[in-house]
C-alpha cells in the first residue's frame, strides 16, 4: 500500500477536526483531515433526530472563522442549519477533507506516526485524534432478552415518531437525548414510559438570562477536569434541557403531570417483563438537586459581582414524587412496541497502538497533548474543561493544540 508523507493527519471531520484544520490551514501547514463518512460533521446528520435543535444558544456557535453573527443570537439552531454551516465552512476555507476513509491504525515509528487507512498509509509527524466520545450508541447486553416483536434502537438512530411502529414507547435514560425524545413522543400522542437515570437538570432561563449564559458567567464551563470529584464524572449524563420551540425547561415532574410514566432503573428482563429498581425517587432527587445547586451558584455570582439581574421566584415542582414505584413492567400488556435506549455512547480508540489511556479508556493528556511527541486528542468533553467537547469551547482547545504543533516544529 502506498505511503504518503505529510506533516499532520487529523482523524475525524467533525467540529473538532475541522477547527484544528482551520488553524493549520491559516498557518499554511501541510495537513489532511480523514473522515469516515461522506459529509463533514457527520454526527449532526447521522446521530440526531429530525426536529433536533442545538441546546446551546446560537451565539455559542463558536467554530473558529464561522462564529455566529446573524440576527437571532438567542435562538436555537435546527439540525439542518448546523449541517449547512459546516458544509459551507469546509468550502469557504478550502479545508483538505477526505471523505469515506476509514482509519485502521495509528502506530509510532521512528519518523513519527504511521496512519494506516483502508485506502492508503500516511507517514505523519503529528496525528490529531478528533473522533470524539460519541461514536456508537450504547445498548446494554440484556437488551437481547427483549421479545423479538418489540422494535429496539439506540437514541442516536431515532428520527421521528412516525418512523416507529404503532404503540407505546419505553425510553431508557433521561439525559439530554432521552428527555427530549420522551417529550416529543408524548407530545405526538404516544404512550411513553421513561426509565429515569441520575442525569441532572439545568434551567433554560433564570433571572433574565439563558442557563447556558449563566454557565459562562459563573465560570462553570471553564472548570478544569482536575477539579472533578472523580474522573468517572467525565461520563455523567448531560443535563436535560432543550432548544426546541424557542427553548424551554425539561422537568421530569412536569413529564409525570403530562402523562409520562416514570420508572426506575432496569434491574433485569425475563419473559417479556422488565424488572425495575425502586430508585425512581432517588433519581428525581438528583435532578432536583443539580438544578438547585446551579441556581444557588447563579445567585451567589450575581451577589458577588454586583450584577443587576432581578430576583426570580423560580417554580419548584414535586409531582414526580407521587408517582407509584413500579417494580415490574409487562411490555405486551402495557402496549409497548418500541424500546429506545438513551444510555449514552461507547467510545473506542483501539486504532491507537500506544499505551496512552487510563482505566476508562480515556486518553491521558495535558490539554490534548500526550506524552508521545506528535500525538494529540481533541473534541471530547472534559479533555481540558467542561466545554472542551462542545461548539462553544472546542475552538479554544483546537488553537492550543495547533499552537503546540507549530511550536514543536520550530525546535
Protein backbone atom coordinates (compact mmCIF):
# COMPACT_ATOMS: atom_id res chain seq x y z
CA UNK A 1 0.00 0.00 0.00
CA UNK A 2 1.30 3.43 -0.96
CA UNK A 3 2.66 5.65 1.84
CA UNK A 4 2.31 9.43 1.66
CA UNK A 5 4.37 11.78 3.83
CA UNK A 6 2.52 14.66 5.44
CA UNK A 7 3.13 16.92 8.43
CA UNK A 8 -0.21 16.38 10.22
CA UNK A 9 -3.07 13.92 9.90
CA UNK A 10 -6.37 14.81 11.57
CA UNK A 11 -8.68 11.84 12.12
CA UNK A 12 -12.31 12.91 12.18
CA UNK A 13 -14.05 15.62 10.15
CA UNK A 14 -16.38 16.83 12.91
CA UNK A 15 -16.34 20.14 14.75
CA UNK A 16 -13.03 19.34 16.46
CA UNK A 17 -11.15 18.12 13.42
CA UNK A 18 -12.40 20.98 11.27
CA UNK A 19 -11.44 23.54 13.91
CA UNK A 20 -7.89 22.18 14.02
CA UNK A 21 -7.78 22.17 10.22
CA UNK A 22 -8.86 25.82 10.16
CA UNK A 23 -5.88 26.89 12.26
CA UNK A 24 -3.40 24.73 10.35
CA UNK A 25 -4.79 25.98 7.04
CA UNK A 26 -4.41 29.60 8.16
CA UNK A 27 -0.80 28.87 9.11
CA UNK A 28 -0.25 27.19 5.72
CA UNK A 29 0.77 23.94 7.37
CA UNK A 30 0.66 20.71 5.40
CA UNK A 31 -2.18 18.52 6.70
CA UNK A 32 -5.16 16.37 5.80
CA UNK A 33 -8.48 15.55 7.51
CA UNK A 34 -9.72 11.97 7.21
CA UNK A 35 -13.49 11.48 7.59
CA UNK A 36 -15.14 8.06 7.73
CA UNK A 37 -18.42 9.18 6.16
CA UNK A 38 -19.32 11.16 3.04
CA UNK A 39 -20.02 14.53 4.64
CA UNK A 40 -18.43 16.87 7.19
CA UNK A 41 -19.53 16.85 10.83
CA UNK A 42 -21.43 13.63 10.09
CA UNK A 43 -22.70 13.16 13.66
CA UNK A 44 -25.09 16.07 13.20
CA UNK A 45 -26.74 14.19 10.33
CA UNK A 46 -26.36 10.56 11.37
CA UNK A 47 -26.89 10.80 15.15
CA UNK A 48 -29.63 13.41 15.55
CA UNK A 49 -33.40 13.21 15.14
CA UNK A 50 -35.30 15.29 12.60
CA UNK A 51 -36.59 18.00 14.94
CA UNK A 52 -33.31 18.33 16.84
CA UNK A 53 -32.08 21.82 17.65
CA UNK A 54 -28.96 22.94 19.44
CA UNK A 55 -29.45 23.13 23.20
CA UNK A 56 -26.94 25.97 23.28
CA UNK A 57 -27.97 29.44 22.04
CA UNK A 58 -26.85 30.44 18.57
CA UNK A 59 -24.30 32.92 19.96
CA UNK A 60 -22.46 29.93 21.43
CA UNK A 61 -21.74 28.56 17.96
CA UNK A 62 -18.06 29.50 18.16
CA UNK A 63 -16.35 27.42 15.49
CA UNK A 64 -13.23 29.46 14.58
CA UNK A 65 -13.81 31.53 11.47
CA UNK A 66 -17.54 30.73 11.46
CA UNK A 67 -18.75 32.32 14.68
CA UNK A 68 -22.47 33.06 14.68
CA UNK A 69 -23.15 36.64 13.60
CA UNK A 70 -26.72 36.50 12.30
CA UNK A 71 -29.94 38.07 13.55
CA UNK A 72 -31.08 35.51 16.15
CA UNK A 73 -28.26 35.07 18.68
CA UNK A 74 -30.64 33.92 21.42
CA UNK A 75 -32.37 31.34 19.23
CA UNK A 76 -31.56 27.65 18.87
CA UNK A 77 -30.25 26.42 15.54
CA UNK A 78 -32.06 23.45 13.94
CA UNK A 79 -30.06 20.43 12.84
CA UNK A 80 -30.29 21.26 9.11
CA UNK A 81 -28.80 24.71 9.74
CA UNK A 82 -25.90 23.20 11.68
CA UNK A 83 -25.19 20.77 8.82
CA UNK A 84 -25.37 23.58 6.25
CA UNK A 85 -22.94 25.76 8.19
CA UNK A 86 -20.34 23.01 8.45
CA UNK A 87 -20.64 22.18 4.75
CA UNK A 88 -20.10 25.85 3.84
CA UNK A 89 -17.24 26.07 6.36
CA UNK A 90 -15.26 23.38 4.55
CA UNK A 91 -15.76 25.12 1.21
CA UNK A 92 -15.13 28.64 2.45
CA UNK A 93 -11.71 27.81 3.88
CA UNK A 94 -10.91 25.02 1.43
CA UNK A 95 -10.16 22.61 4.23
CA UNK A 96 -8.40 19.44 2.99
CA UNK A 97 -11.13 17.00 3.98
CA UNK A 98 -11.04 13.50 2.50
CA UNK A 99 -14.29 11.51 2.73
CA UNK A 100 -15.09 7.83 3.14
CA UNK A 101 -11.70 6.90 4.53
CA UNK A 102 -11.59 4.54 7.49
CA UNK A 103 -8.52 4.70 9.71
CA UNK A 104 -7.42 1.27 10.90
CA UNK A 105 -4.35 2.02 13.00
CA UNK A 106 -2.12 4.79 14.30
CA UNK A 107 1.28 3.44 15.29
CA UNK A 108 4.55 5.12 16.34
CA UNK A 109 7.55 4.82 14.05
CA UNK A 110 10.96 6.45 14.17
CA UNK A 111 9.92 9.26 11.83
CA UNK A 112 6.60 9.99 13.51
CA UNK A 113 3.26 8.21 13.17
CA UNK A 114 2.13 5.64 10.63
CA UNK A 115 -1.57 6.13 9.93
CA UNK A 116 -2.98 3.15 8.07
CA UNK A 117 -6.36 3.51 6.34
CA UNK A 118 -8.44 1.36 4.01
CA UNK A 119 -7.19 3.47 1.08
CA UNK A 120 -3.55 4.33 1.75
CA UNK A 121 -0.98 4.85 4.51
CA UNK A 122 0.30 8.19 5.78
CA UNK A 123 3.59 8.92 7.49
CA UNK A 124 2.91 11.94 9.69
CA UNK A 125 4.97 13.96 12.11
CA UNK A 126 1.74 14.69 14.00
CA UNK A 127 -1.60 12.95 14.40
CA UNK A 128 -4.69 14.53 15.96
CA UNK A 129 -7.38 12.06 17.04
CA UNK A 130 -10.64 14.01 16.74
CA UNK A 131 -13.21 11.21 16.62
CA UNK A 132 -14.86 12.27 19.88
CA UNK A 133 -16.54 10.19 22.57
CA UNK A 134 -19.94 9.83 20.91
CA UNK A 135 -19.06 7.08 18.48
CA UNK A 136 -21.71 4.37 18.92
CA UNK A 137 -24.93 4.36 20.90
CA UNK A 138 -24.94 2.10 23.95
CA UNK A 139 -27.37 -0.80 24.02
CA UNK A 140 -26.94 -2.94 27.15
CA UNK A 141 -26.32 -6.69 26.77
CA UNK A 142 -29.63 -7.59 28.45
CA UNK A 143 -31.45 -5.92 25.55
CA UNK A 144 -31.12 -9.28 23.79
CA UNK A 145 -33.81 -10.60 26.17
CA UNK A 146 -36.41 -8.14 24.87
CA UNK A 147 -39.04 -10.09 22.85
CA UNK A 148 -38.27 -10.15 19.12
CA UNK A 149 -41.55 -8.46 18.19
CA UNK A 150 -40.54 -5.32 20.11
CA UNK A 151 -38.61 -2.83 18.00
CA UNK A 152 -35.36 -1.58 19.56
CA UNK A 153 -32.92 1.20 18.71
CA UNK A 154 -30.29 3.44 20.22
CA UNK A 155 -31.36 7.06 20.72
CA UNK A 156 -28.91 8.19 18.03
CA UNK A 157 -30.90 6.15 15.47
CA UNK A 158 -34.27 7.70 16.34
CA UNK A 159 -35.65 10.13 13.74
CA UNK A 160 -39.32 10.93 14.45
CA UNK A 161 -42.48 9.36 15.93
CA UNK A 162 -43.88 8.41 12.51
CA UNK A 163 -40.98 6.03 11.78
CA UNK A 164 -41.78 3.89 14.85
CA UNK A 165 -44.30 1.03 14.94
CA UNK A 166 -47.72 1.94 16.37
CA UNK A 167 -47.95 1.59 20.13
CA UNK A 168 -46.30 2.72 23.32
CA UNK A 169 -42.61 3.52 23.70
CA UNK A 170 -40.21 2.78 26.52
CA UNK A 171 -37.34 5.28 26.64
CA UNK A 172 -34.44 4.10 28.79
CA UNK A 173 -32.39 7.02 30.13
CA UNK A 174 -33.37 10.60 30.97
CA UNK A 175 -30.26 12.51 29.98
CA UNK A 176 -30.39 15.20 27.34
CA UNK A 177 -31.40 12.94 24.43
CA UNK A 178 -33.73 10.64 26.35
CA UNK A 179 -35.67 13.50 27.91
CA UNK A 180 -36.07 15.33 24.60
CA UNK A 181 -37.18 12.19 22.76
CA UNK A 182 -39.64 11.27 25.54
CA UNK A 183 -41.17 14.75 25.35
CA UNK A 184 -41.52 14.63 21.57
CA UNK A 185 -43.13 11.18 21.63
CA UNK A 186 -45.56 12.19 24.37
CA UNK A 187 -46.50 15.38 22.52
CA UNK A 188 -47.17 13.30 19.40
CA UNK A 189 -49.78 11.26 21.29
CA UNK A 190 -47.70 8.19 22.09
CA UNK A 191 -47.91 6.49 25.47
CA UNK A 192 -44.44 6.95 26.91
CA UNK A 193 -42.65 5.12 29.69
CA UNK A 194 -39.37 6.65 30.85
CA UNK A 195 -36.68 4.91 32.87
CA UNK A 196 -35.20 7.80 34.81
CA UNK A 197 -31.43 7.98 35.19
CA UNK A 198 -29.34 10.12 37.51
CA UNK A 199 -28.83 12.94 34.99
CA UNK A 200 -29.19 16.47 36.29
CA UNK A 201 -31.42 19.29 35.14
CA UNK A 202 -30.50 22.81 34.09
CA UNK A 203 -32.78 25.86 33.87
CA UNK A 204 -33.42 27.10 30.37
CA UNK A 205 -33.78 30.63 31.71
CA UNK A 206 -33.31 32.20 35.11
CA UNK A 207 -33.24 35.79 36.32
CA UNK A 208 -33.45 37.14 32.78
CA UNK A 209 -30.69 35.08 31.15
CA UNK A 210 -30.37 31.75 29.40
CA UNK A 211 -28.98 28.97 31.58
CA UNK A 212 -26.07 28.49 29.19
CA UNK A 213 -25.12 32.13 29.57
CA UNK A 214 -25.10 31.63 33.32
CA UNK A 215 -22.71 28.73 32.81
CA UNK A 216 -20.33 31.20 31.19
CA UNK A 217 -20.86 34.00 33.73
CA UNK A 218 -20.38 31.73 36.76
CA UNK A 219 -17.29 30.11 35.24
CA UNK A 220 -18.90 26.64 35.38
CA UNK A 221 -17.90 25.86 31.79
CA UNK A 222 -14.29 26.79 32.48
CA UNK A 223 -13.98 24.24 35.29
CA UNK A 224 -10.97 22.04 34.52
CA UNK A 225 -11.02 18.27 34.67
CA UNK A 226 -8.68 18.14 37.68
CA UNK A 227 -11.41 19.80 39.77
CA UNK A 228 -13.89 16.95 39.29
CA UNK A 229 -14.56 14.83 42.39
CA UNK A 230 -13.84 11.69 40.34
CA UNK A 231 -12.62 11.03 36.81
CA UNK A 232 -15.70 8.86 36.29
CA UNK A 233 -17.73 12.09 36.45
CA UNK A 234 -16.46 12.89 32.94
CA UNK A 235 -19.02 10.41 31.65
CA UNK A 236 -22.07 11.59 33.60
CA UNK A 237 -25.22 12.11 31.57
CA UNK A 238 -25.77 15.55 30.11
CA UNK A 239 -28.23 17.79 31.96
CA UNK A 240 -31.63 17.65 30.32
CA UNK A 241 -32.56 20.84 28.57
CA UNK A 242 -33.94 21.65 25.12
CA UNK A 243 -33.82 24.37 22.49
CA UNK A 244 -36.95 23.18 20.69
CA UNK A 245 -39.74 25.71 20.10
CA UNK A 246 -37.55 28.56 21.30
CA UNK A 247 -36.17 26.65 24.27
CA UNK A 248 -37.85 25.61 27.49
CA UNK A 249 -37.26 23.66 30.68
CA UNK A 250 -37.39 19.88 30.66
CA UNK A 251 -38.63 18.76 34.04
CA UNK A 252 -39.40 15.15 34.98
CA UNK A 253 -42.09 16.29 37.41
CA UNK A 254 -43.88 18.05 34.55
CA UNK A 255 -43.41 14.93 32.44
CA UNK A 256 -45.35 12.99 35.06
CA UNK A 257 -48.04 15.67 35.11
CA UNK A 258 -48.35 15.33 31.31
CA UNK A 259 -48.88 11.57 31.49
CA UNK A 260 -45.41 10.10 31.02
CA UNK A 261 -44.95 7.03 33.22
CA UNK A 262 -41.77 7.44 35.26
CA UNK A 263 -39.76 4.33 36.17
CA UNK A 264 -36.58 3.44 37.99
CA UNK A 265 -33.51 1.77 36.51
CA UNK A 266 -33.87 -1.60 34.78
CA UNK A 267 -32.86 -4.50 37.01
CA UNK A 268 -33.47 -7.44 34.67
CA UNK A 269 -35.57 -8.66 31.74
CA UNK A 270 -37.32 -12.03 31.74
CA UNK A 271 -40.18 -13.43 29.64
CA UNK A 272 -41.24 -10.06 28.28
CA UNK A 273 -41.27 -8.46 31.71
CA UNK A 274 -38.86 -5.76 32.82
CA UNK A 275 -37.80 -5.79 36.45
CA UNK A 276 -37.20 -2.29 37.83
CA UNK A 277 -35.24 -0.96 40.76
CA UNK A 278 -37.12 1.07 43.43
CA UNK A 279 -34.88 4.08 42.84
CA UNK A 280 -37.13 6.49 40.94
CA UNK A 281 -37.39 8.97 43.81
CA UNK A 282 -33.63 8.91 44.29
CA UNK A 283 -33.08 9.79 40.62
CA UNK A 284 -35.67 12.57 40.76
CA UNK A 285 -33.90 13.97 43.78
CA UNK A 286 -30.58 14.03 41.91
CA UNK A 287 -32.09 16.05 39.08
CA UNK A 288 -33.73 18.47 41.51
CA UNK A 289 -30.53 18.86 43.50
CA UNK A 290 -28.42 19.57 40.40
CA UNK A 291 -30.75 22.38 39.34
CA UNK A 292 -31.00 23.78 42.87
CA UNK A 293 -27.22 23.89 43.28
CA UNK A 294 -26.82 25.66 39.94
CA UNK A 295 -29.45 28.25 40.89
CA UNK A 296 -27.62 28.87 44.15
CA UNK A 297 -24.35 29.33 42.24
CA UNK A 298 -26.05 31.86 39.96
CA UNK A 299 -27.50 33.77 42.92
CA UNK A 300 -24.12 33.83 44.65
CA UNK A 301 -22.38 35.02 41.47
CA UNK A 302 -24.89 37.85 41.00
CA UNK A 303 -24.33 38.95 44.57
CA UNK A 304 -20.55 38.67 44.38
CA UNK A 305 -20.26 40.52 41.07
CA UNK A 306 -22.95 43.09 41.84
CA UNK A 307 -24.92 42.20 38.70
CA UNK A 308 -28.27 43.93 38.08
CA UNK A 309 -30.22 40.74 37.19
CA UNK A 310 -33.56 40.89 39.05
CA UNK A 311 -34.68 38.23 41.55
CA UNK A 312 -36.99 35.50 40.30
CA UNK A 313 -39.45 33.28 42.09
CA UNK A 314 -38.38 30.12 40.29
CA UNK A 315 -41.10 27.40 40.21
CA UNK A 316 -40.48 24.18 42.11
CA UNK A 317 -42.30 21.02 41.05
CA UNK A 318 -42.70 17.85 43.10
CA UNK A 319 -45.33 15.90 41.12
CA UNK A 320 -42.99 13.03 40.30
CA UNK A 321 -42.59 12.08 43.94
CA UNK A 322 -46.25 11.00 43.89
CA UNK A 323 -45.57 8.52 41.10
CA UNK A 324 -46.01 4.87 42.09
CA UNK A 325 -42.78 2.88 42.37
CA UNK A 326 -43.37 0.30 39.62
CA UNK A 327 -41.17 -2.76 40.06
CA UNK A 328 -42.30 -4.82 37.07
CA UNK A 329 -43.45 -3.80 33.61
CA UNK A 330 -45.02 -6.26 31.19
CA UNK A 331 -44.20 -4.98 27.71
CA UNK A 332 -47.11 -6.68 25.96
CA UNK A 333 -49.88 -5.77 28.38
CA UNK A 334 -48.52 -2.21 28.57
CA UNK A 335 -48.79 -1.91 24.79
CA UNK A 336 -45.08 -1.15 24.35
CA UNK A 337 -43.94 -1.80 20.79
CA UNK A 338 -40.64 0.11 20.83
CA UNK A 339 -37.71 0.47 23.22
CA UNK A 340 -35.32 3.39 22.71
CA UNK A 341 -32.02 3.06 24.55
CA UNK A 342 -30.84 6.53 25.56
CA UNK A 343 -27.93 5.21 27.61
CA UNK A 344 -25.10 7.29 26.20
CA UNK A 345 -22.33 6.26 23.86
CA UNK A 346 -19.43 3.85 23.61
CA UNK A 347 -16.04 5.20 22.58
CA UNK A 348 -13.15 3.17 21.28
CA UNK A 349 -9.64 4.40 20.50
CA UNK A 350 -8.32 0.92 19.76
CA UNK A 351 -6.83 2.20 16.50
CA UNK A 352 -4.13 3.99 18.54
CA UNK A 353 -1.34 1.50 19.19
CA UNK A 354 0.34 3.09 22.21
CA UNK A 355 -0.44 2.92 25.91
CA UNK A 356 -1.88 6.38 26.35
CA UNK A 357 -5.20 5.53 28.03
CA UNK A 358 -6.45 5.45 31.61
CA UNK A 359 -8.60 2.79 33.27
CA UNK A 360 -11.69 4.11 31.49
CA UNK A 361 -10.09 4.01 28.04
CA UNK A 362 -9.90 7.82 28.02
CA UNK A 363 -6.66 9.35 26.69
CA UNK A 364 -4.20 10.68 29.25
CA UNK A 365 -3.24 14.14 28.07
CA UNK A 366 -2.31 17.63 29.13
CA UNK A 367 -4.98 19.65 27.34
CA UNK A 368 -4.98 17.17 24.47
CA UNK A 369 -1.22 16.76 24.23
CA UNK A 370 0.01 13.27 25.10
CA UNK A 371 3.38 12.14 26.46
CA UNK A 372 4.14 10.77 22.99
CA UNK A 373 5.57 13.53 20.76
CA UNK A 374 3.24 14.35 17.89
CA UNK A 375 0.15 12.55 19.23
CA UNK A 376 -2.85 14.69 20.23
CA UNK A 377 -6.53 14.24 21.11
CA UNK A 378 -9.26 16.81 20.55
CA UNK A 379 -13.00 17.34 20.87
CA UNK A 380 -14.01 15.37 23.95
CA UNK A 381 -15.93 16.59 27.00
CA UNK A 382 -13.57 17.24 29.88
CA UNK A 383 -10.48 16.84 27.73
CA UNK A 384 -9.47 20.07 29.47
CA UNK A 385 -12.61 21.89 30.61
CA UNK A 386 -16.32 21.15 30.70
CA UNK A 387 -16.78 22.95 27.38
CA UNK A 388 -13.98 21.08 25.55
CA UNK A 389 -16.43 18.88 23.66
CA UNK A 390 -18.99 21.42 22.51
CA UNK A 391 -19.36 24.10 19.84
CA UNK A 392 -18.59 26.82 22.37
CA UNK A 393 -15.24 25.50 23.60
CA UNK A 394 -13.72 23.16 21.06
CA UNK A 395 -12.11 26.01 19.10
CA UNK A 396 -10.02 27.07 22.11
CA UNK A 397 -8.58 23.58 22.51
CA UNK A 398 -8.00 23.30 18.75
CA UNK A 399 -6.00 26.54 18.77
CA UNK A 400 -3.94 25.34 21.73
CA UNK A 401 -3.08 22.03 20.05
CA UNK A 402 -2.20 23.58 16.70
CA UNK A 403 -0.03 26.14 18.52
CA UNK A 404 1.77 23.22 20.17
CA UNK A 405 2.34 21.57 16.80
CA UNK A 406 3.83 24.74 15.34
CA UNK A 407 5.93 25.33 18.44
CA UNK A 408 7.39 21.82 18.30
CA UNK A 409 8.18 22.12 14.59
CA UNK A 410 10.32 25.22 15.25
CA UNK A 411 12.62 23.41 17.69
